[in-house]
Protein backbone atom coordinates (compact mmCIF):
# COMPACT_ATOMS: atom_id res chain seq x y z
CA MET A 1 83.99 91.05 117.76
CA THR A 2 87.07 89.93 115.84
CA THR A 3 85.81 86.49 114.93
CA SER A 4 85.55 85.62 111.27
CA GLY A 5 82.56 87.16 109.54
CA SER A 6 81.07 88.66 112.68
CA LEU A 7 80.79 92.34 111.71
CA LEU A 8 79.85 91.70 108.09
CA ALA A 9 77.38 89.06 109.25
CA ARG A 10 75.80 91.56 111.64
CA LEU A 11 75.46 94.09 108.82
CA LYS A 12 73.90 91.45 106.55
CA GLY A 13 71.61 90.16 109.30
CA ASP A 14 70.49 93.45 110.87
CA ARG A 15 68.66 95.61 108.34
CA GLU A 16 68.68 98.68 110.61
CA ALA A 17 72.43 98.38 111.16
CA ALA A 18 72.96 98.09 107.40
CA ILE A 19 70.84 101.21 106.78
CA LEU A 20 72.74 103.18 109.43
CA ALA A 21 76.12 102.02 108.09
CA CYS A 22 75.07 103.19 104.63
CA HIS A 23 73.51 106.50 105.72
CA PRO A 24 75.34 108.56 106.91
CA PHE A 25 78.55 106.51 107.26
CA GLU A 26 78.83 105.42 103.58
CA PHE A 27 79.55 101.73 104.18
CA ASP A 28 76.97 99.98 102.01
CA THR A 29 76.95 96.17 102.13
CA ASP A 30 73.52 95.79 100.50
CA PHE A 31 74.75 94.25 97.24
CA ASP A 32 74.60 90.69 95.94
CA THR A 33 77.92 91.21 94.17
CA ILE A 34 80.34 94.01 94.99
CA THR A 35 82.68 95.16 92.25
CA HIS A 36 84.89 98.21 91.89
CA ILE A 37 84.54 100.69 89.03
CA GLU A 38 87.56 99.04 87.36
CA PRO A 39 89.61 95.91 87.99
CA VAL A 40 92.24 96.52 90.68
CA TRP A 41 94.66 94.42 92.69
CA LEU A 42 97.29 94.90 95.33
CA ALA A 43 100.76 95.56 93.94
CA SER A 44 102.02 92.89 96.35
CA GLY A 45 99.79 90.30 94.69
CA ALA A 46 97.92 89.60 97.94
CA PRO A 47 94.18 88.93 97.55
CA LEU A 48 91.48 91.61 97.68
CA GLU A 49 87.95 90.87 98.86
CA PRO A 50 85.36 93.59 98.08
CA ILE A 51 83.03 94.00 101.06
CA ALA A 52 81.16 97.32 100.69
CA LYS A 53 80.61 100.41 98.55
CA ASP A 54 80.49 104.12 99.32
CA HIS A 55 78.08 106.65 97.79
CA GLY A 56 80.56 107.87 95.16
CA GLY A 57 81.45 104.60 93.43
CA GLY A 58 84.28 103.68 95.77
CA THR A 59 84.84 100.22 97.18
CA TYR A 60 86.06 98.83 100.50
CA PHE A 61 88.27 95.72 100.37
CA LEU A 62 89.59 93.29 102.95
CA CYS A 63 93.24 92.65 102.04
CA GLY A 64 95.49 89.65 102.33
CA GLU A 65 95.19 85.95 102.97
CA GLY A 66 92.43 84.43 105.05
CA ASP A 67 88.69 84.76 105.33
CA GLY A 68 88.45 86.64 108.62
CA GLU A 69 88.01 90.30 109.42
CA ASP A 70 91.40 90.72 111.11
CA ARG A 71 92.86 91.95 107.84
CA PRO A 72 93.53 95.51 106.66
CA VAL A 73 90.68 97.37 104.95
CA VAL A 74 91.54 99.46 101.89
CA HIS A 75 89.17 102.00 100.36
CA ALA A 76 89.51 102.81 96.66
CA ASP A 77 87.54 105.76 95.33
CA SER A 78 86.36 106.18 91.75
CA GLU A 79 89.04 108.80 91.00
CA GLY A 80 92.18 106.71 91.44
CA HIS A 81 92.88 107.32 95.15
CA SER A 82 93.15 104.63 97.79
CA GLY A 83 94.03 104.37 101.45
CA VAL A 84 94.06 101.93 104.31
CA MET A 85 90.98 102.57 106.45
CA GLY A 86 92.00 100.32 109.34
CA ALA A 87 94.38 97.53 110.29
CA THR A 88 91.26 95.35 110.76
CA LEU A 89 87.60 95.65 109.78
CA ARG A 90 86.79 96.48 113.41
CA ASP A 91 89.26 99.39 113.37
CA ALA A 92 88.04 100.60 109.98
CA LEU A 93 84.40 100.65 111.12
CA LEU A 94 85.27 102.35 114.41
CA LEU A 95 87.14 105.06 112.52
CA MET A 96 84.42 105.54 109.89
CA ILE A 97 81.64 105.67 112.48
CA ALA A 98 83.28 107.34 115.48
CA LEU A 99 86.09 109.48 114.04
CA PRO A 100 85.52 110.04 110.31
CA CYS A 101 87.65 113.18 110.60
CA ALA A 102 90.77 111.22 111.65
CA GLY A 103 92.64 112.12 108.46
CA GLU A 104 91.95 115.81 109.05
CA ALA A 105 93.05 115.43 112.68
CA LEU A 106 96.41 113.96 111.61
CA TYR A 107 96.82 116.78 109.09
CA ARG A 108 96.22 119.32 111.85
CA GLU A 109 98.79 117.57 114.03
CA ARG A 110 101.34 117.85 111.23
CA GLN A 111 100.55 121.58 111.20
CA GLY A 112 101.51 121.77 114.88
CA ARG A 113 98.09 121.60 116.52
CA THR A 114 97.46 119.43 119.56
CA MET A 115 94.74 116.87 118.90
CA ASP A 116 93.70 115.75 122.37
CA GLU A 117 90.29 114.31 123.27
CA GLN A 118 88.67 117.75 123.47
CA ALA A 119 90.08 118.88 120.11
CA LEU A 120 88.97 115.63 118.45
CA GLU A 121 85.47 115.95 119.89
CA ALA A 122 85.25 119.54 118.59
CA LEU A 123 86.48 118.55 115.12
CA ARG A 124 83.99 115.68 114.94
CA ALA A 125 81.17 117.92 116.19
CA ASP A 126 81.93 120.50 113.48
CA GLU A 127 81.82 117.83 110.78
CA GLU A 128 78.63 116.32 112.16
CA ALA A 129 76.98 119.73 112.43
CA GLU A 130 77.27 120.11 108.66
CA LEU A 131 75.64 116.72 108.08
CA SER A 132 72.98 117.41 110.66
CA GLU A 133 72.17 120.79 109.13
CA ASP A 134 72.32 119.71 105.47
CA TYR A 135 70.39 116.45 105.87
CA GLU A 136 68.54 116.94 109.17
CA LEU A 137 70.24 113.93 110.74
CA ASP A 138 71.00 113.24 114.39
CA VAL A 139 74.46 111.85 113.62
CA PRO A 140 75.53 111.37 117.28
CA ALA A 141 72.43 109.27 118.00
CA MET A 142 72.89 107.32 114.77
CA ARG A 143 76.53 106.65 115.69
CA VAL A 144 75.58 105.35 119.15
CA GLU A 145 72.88 103.08 117.72
CA LEU A 146 75.14 101.64 115.02
CA LEU A 147 78.03 101.03 117.43
CA GLU A 148 75.64 99.17 119.74
CA ARG A 149 74.09 97.12 116.92
CA LEU A 150 77.54 96.09 115.70
CA GLY A 151 78.81 95.25 119.18
CA LEU A 152 81.45 98.00 118.97
CA ALA A 153 80.27 99.90 122.05
CA PRO A 154 81.55 101.23 124.33
CA LEU A 155 83.60 103.55 122.20
CA PRO A 156 87.31 103.84 123.06
CA PRO A 157 88.75 107.32 123.63
CA LEU A 158 89.05 109.33 120.41
CA THR A 159 92.78 109.69 121.01
CA GLU A 160 93.04 105.89 120.84
CA LEU A 161 91.13 105.92 117.56
CA LEU A 162 93.56 108.51 116.24
CA GLU A 163 96.40 106.09 117.09
CA ARG A 164 94.57 103.43 115.07
CA GLU A 165 94.40 105.87 112.14
CA ARG A 166 98.17 106.35 112.40
CA ALA A 167 98.64 102.57 112.37
CA ALA A 168 96.41 102.30 109.29
CA GLN A 169 98.31 105.01 107.44
CA ALA A 170 101.59 103.25 108.25
CA LEU A 171 100.28 100.21 106.33
CA GLU A 172 99.59 102.16 103.13
CA PRO A 173 102.94 101.55 101.38
CA GLN A 174 102.33 97.78 101.56
CA HIS A 175 98.77 98.10 100.21
CA ALA A 176 99.16 100.02 96.96
CA LEU A 177 96.39 99.34 94.44
CA VAL A 178 97.10 98.89 90.73
CA ASN A 179 94.57 99.07 87.89
CA GLU A 180 94.55 97.02 84.68
CA ASP A 181 96.64 99.68 82.88
CA GLY A 182 99.38 99.26 85.49
CA ASN A 183 98.68 102.64 87.11
CA ILE A 184 99.13 102.78 90.87
CA TYR A 185 96.30 104.44 92.79
CA ARG A 186 97.41 107.60 94.58
CA ARG A 187 97.70 107.25 98.34
CA GLY A 188 95.20 109.13 100.42
CA HIS A 189 92.00 110.84 99.40
CA GLU A 190 91.32 114.28 97.99
CA ASP A 191 89.38 115.41 101.06
CA ASP A 192 91.87 114.13 103.66
């Protein structure tokens, strides 16, 4: 599923997939025109292509030359933070859907904790339990359905997804966002 337009085309063409991506995974492609809260660009001058919104006014961008999905995805929130979500759209969606707690997992590793498959499953389950309780959602079932609809199943091991998160974070220095006042967006997000 790394061919040009394939994942975005699936989201545009499959209403149920688009609804699942939006709720609870906060990747909303249901817009005629996607714009960020303010004009931004990459400090490198490389192109940005807005592809989706989150629920808080943030925007997801494909970065760099080309029209395919094998480009890094940057998320910019409405508060001046940004971060690379994946080295490709496929990686970004896998991380958002299957391991949304990847940033927290890397933080815990830096604190000396081992984040093996079991620890990652427990961390994800804790996060999903809050969503399930607060909004009465069956997040695991929604995840499975969305991964299947997007052609991203079967899911790789969570430890492999954590490696993809590391690779995404390593790209951040080359993908700094700048606003029209010349201010550089802060790397990372407040809740990471």
